[in-house]
Amino acid sequence: MNFINYHNKSFRAVSNSENGQTSEETIFYYKQEGNILTAKYSGGAIKKGHLIGLVSEDGVIDMRYHQIDIEGNLRTGKCKSIPETLEDGSLRLHESWEWTSDDFSKGTSVIEEII
């Protein structure tokens, strides 16, 4: 089993459920120390966001996030991201997320590594 390290990788949202806020303009900047992952993100409908999570040995990320959108709303959520290695060696993350504020709805999204 290969341990995936997300340190200094950047990702762009490529798809999202209608009730989500990330878009192709949203860029995530990942940092990792051991199995602790953090990221800053912004773009599109998101003015500023942060996430923190734990990375399992198979690269699955269990994270929590908070963000402020361009309308000034503070939203929070949780997400599980499952990695896929693409032919060029870059990573694609398949995400299942849920808002822990507002309407508590669920959704799915995909983000891909920017090479």
Protein backbone atom coordinates (compact mmCIF):
# COMPACT_ATOMS: atom_id res chain seq x y z
CA MET A 1 0.00 0.00 0.00
CA ASN A 2 1.47 3.36 -1.04
CA PHE A 3 1.07 6.21 1.39
CA ILE A 4 -0.20 9.33 -0.37
CA ASN A 5 1.34 12.60 0.76
CA TYR A 6 -0.70 15.69 -0.13
CA HIS A 7 1.93 18.19 1.06
CA ASN A 8 2.29 21.24 -1.22
CA LYS A 9 -0.26 19.94 -3.72
CA SER A 10 -2.92 22.22 -5.21
CA PHE A 11 -6.35 21.10 -6.36
CA ARG A 12 -9.15 22.61 -8.44
CA ALA A 13 -12.81 21.69 -8.14
CA VAL A 14 -14.06 20.08 -11.37
CA SER A 15 -17.60 19.09 -10.35
CA ASN A 16 -19.96 19.60 -7.44
CA SER A 17 -23.55 18.99 -6.40
CA GLU A 18 -25.92 21.90 -6.92
CA ASN A 19 -26.08 22.60 -3.16
CA GLY A 20 -22.28 22.97 -2.91
CA GLN A 21 -20.27 26.17 -3.18
CA THR A 22 -17.00 25.10 -4.81
CA SER A 23 -16.54 25.57 -8.55
CA GLU A 24 -13.78 25.50 -11.17
CA GLU A 25 -12.63 28.87 -9.76
CA THR A 26 -12.03 27.31 -6.32
CA ILE A 27 -8.38 26.41 -5.63
CA PHE A 28 -7.24 24.34 -2.61
CA TYR A 29 -3.66 24.56 -1.26
CA TYR A 30 -2.86 21.45 0.80
CA LYS A 31 -0.22 21.02 3.53
CA GLN A 32 0.48 17.80 5.40
CA GLU A 33 2.51 16.90 8.49
CA GLY A 34 2.42 13.18 9.27
CA ASN A 35 -1.21 12.19 8.89
CA ILE A 36 -2.55 15.70 9.63
CA LEU A 37 -3.80 17.59 6.58
CA THR A 38 -4.65 21.29 6.40
CA ALA A 39 -5.64 23.48 3.49
CA LYS A 40 -6.60 27.01 2.57
CA TYR A 41 -8.99 27.57 -0.30
CA SER A 42 -10.80 30.37 -2.10
CA GLY A 43 -12.28 31.32 -5.43
CA GLY A 44 -15.68 31.49 -7.07
CA ALA A 45 -18.39 31.73 -4.42
CA ILE A 46 -15.88 31.21 -1.58
CA LYS A 47 -14.08 34.22 -0.18
CA LYS A 48 -11.95 32.24 2.28
CA GLY A 49 -11.97 28.67 3.58
CA HIS A 50 -9.90 26.31 5.69
CA LEU A 51 -9.98 22.59 6.26
CA ILE A 52 -8.32 20.18 8.66
CA GLY A 53 -8.32 16.44 8.42
CA LEU A 54 -6.68 13.11 8.98
CA VAL A 55 -5.17 11.02 6.18
CA SER A 56 -5.44 7.24 6.48
CA GLU A 57 -2.76 4.83 5.26
CA ASP A 58 -4.66 4.35 1.99
CA GLY A 59 -4.86 8.12 1.40
CA VAL A 60 -8.52 8.62 2.37
CA ILE A 61 -9.08 12.02 4.00
CA ASP A 62 -11.57 12.57 6.82
CA MET A 63 -11.91 16.33 7.14
CA ARG A 64 -13.88 19.21 8.59
CA TYR A 65 -14.10 22.60 6.88
CA HIS A 66 -15.32 26.12 7.45
CA GLN A 67 -15.67 28.90 4.92
CA ILE A 68 -17.02 32.38 4.34
CA ASP A 69 -18.77 32.87 1.01
CA ILE A 70 -18.83 36.05 -1.08
CA GLU A 71 -22.18 36.99 0.49
CA GLY A 72 -20.59 36.96 3.97
CA ASN A 73 -22.15 33.70 5.20
CA LEU A 74 -20.12 31.42 7.49
CA ARG A 75 -20.69 27.73 6.68
CA THR A 76 -19.22 24.53 8.09
CA GLY A 77 -19.12 20.94 6.94
CA LYS A 78 -17.50 17.54 6.93
CA CYS A 79 -16.12 15.54 4.04
CA LYS A 80 -14.60 12.19 3.14
CA SER A 81 -12.24 12.23 0.14
CA ILE A 82 -11.20 9.06 -1.67
CA PRO A 83 -8.11 9.38 -3.90
CA GLU A 84 -7.69 8.10 -7.44
CA THR A 85 -4.33 8.23 -9.23
CA LEU A 86 -4.73 9.33 -12.85
CA GLU A 87 -2.67 8.12 -15.83
CA ASP A 88 -0.33 11.13 -15.62
CA GLY A 89 0.33 10.42 -11.92
CA SER A 90 -1.79 13.31 -10.65
CA LEU A 91 -4.52 12.84 -8.07
CA ARG A 92 -8.29 13.08 -8.31
CA LEU A 93 -10.32 13.17 -5.09
CA HIS A 94 -13.88 11.84 -5.00
CA GLU A 95 -15.61 13.67 -2.16
CA SER A 96 -18.75 12.95 -0.16
CA TRP A 97 -19.62 15.96 1.96
CA GLU A 98 -22.28 17.25 4.30
CA TRP A 99 -23.05 20.70 5.59
CA THR A 100 -22.98 20.90 9.40
CA SER A 101 -24.69 24.29 9.29
CA ASP A 102 -27.59 25.86 7.41
CA ASP A 103 -29.67 23.14 5.70
CA PHE A 104 -27.45 20.15 6.65
CA SER A 105 -27.74 18.82 3.09
CA LYS A 106 -25.29 16.36 1.53
CA GLY A 107 -23.51 16.24 -1.79
CA THR A 108 -20.59 14.95 -3.82
CA SER A 109 -17.77 16.72 -5.58
CA VAL A 110 -14.56 15.97 -7.48
CA ILE A 111 -11.33 17.92 -7.25
CA GLU A 112 -8.19 17.31 -9.34
CA GLU A 113 -4.56 18.07 -8.70
CA ILE A 114 -3.13 21.05 -10.60
CA ILE A 115 0.14 20.03 -12.23
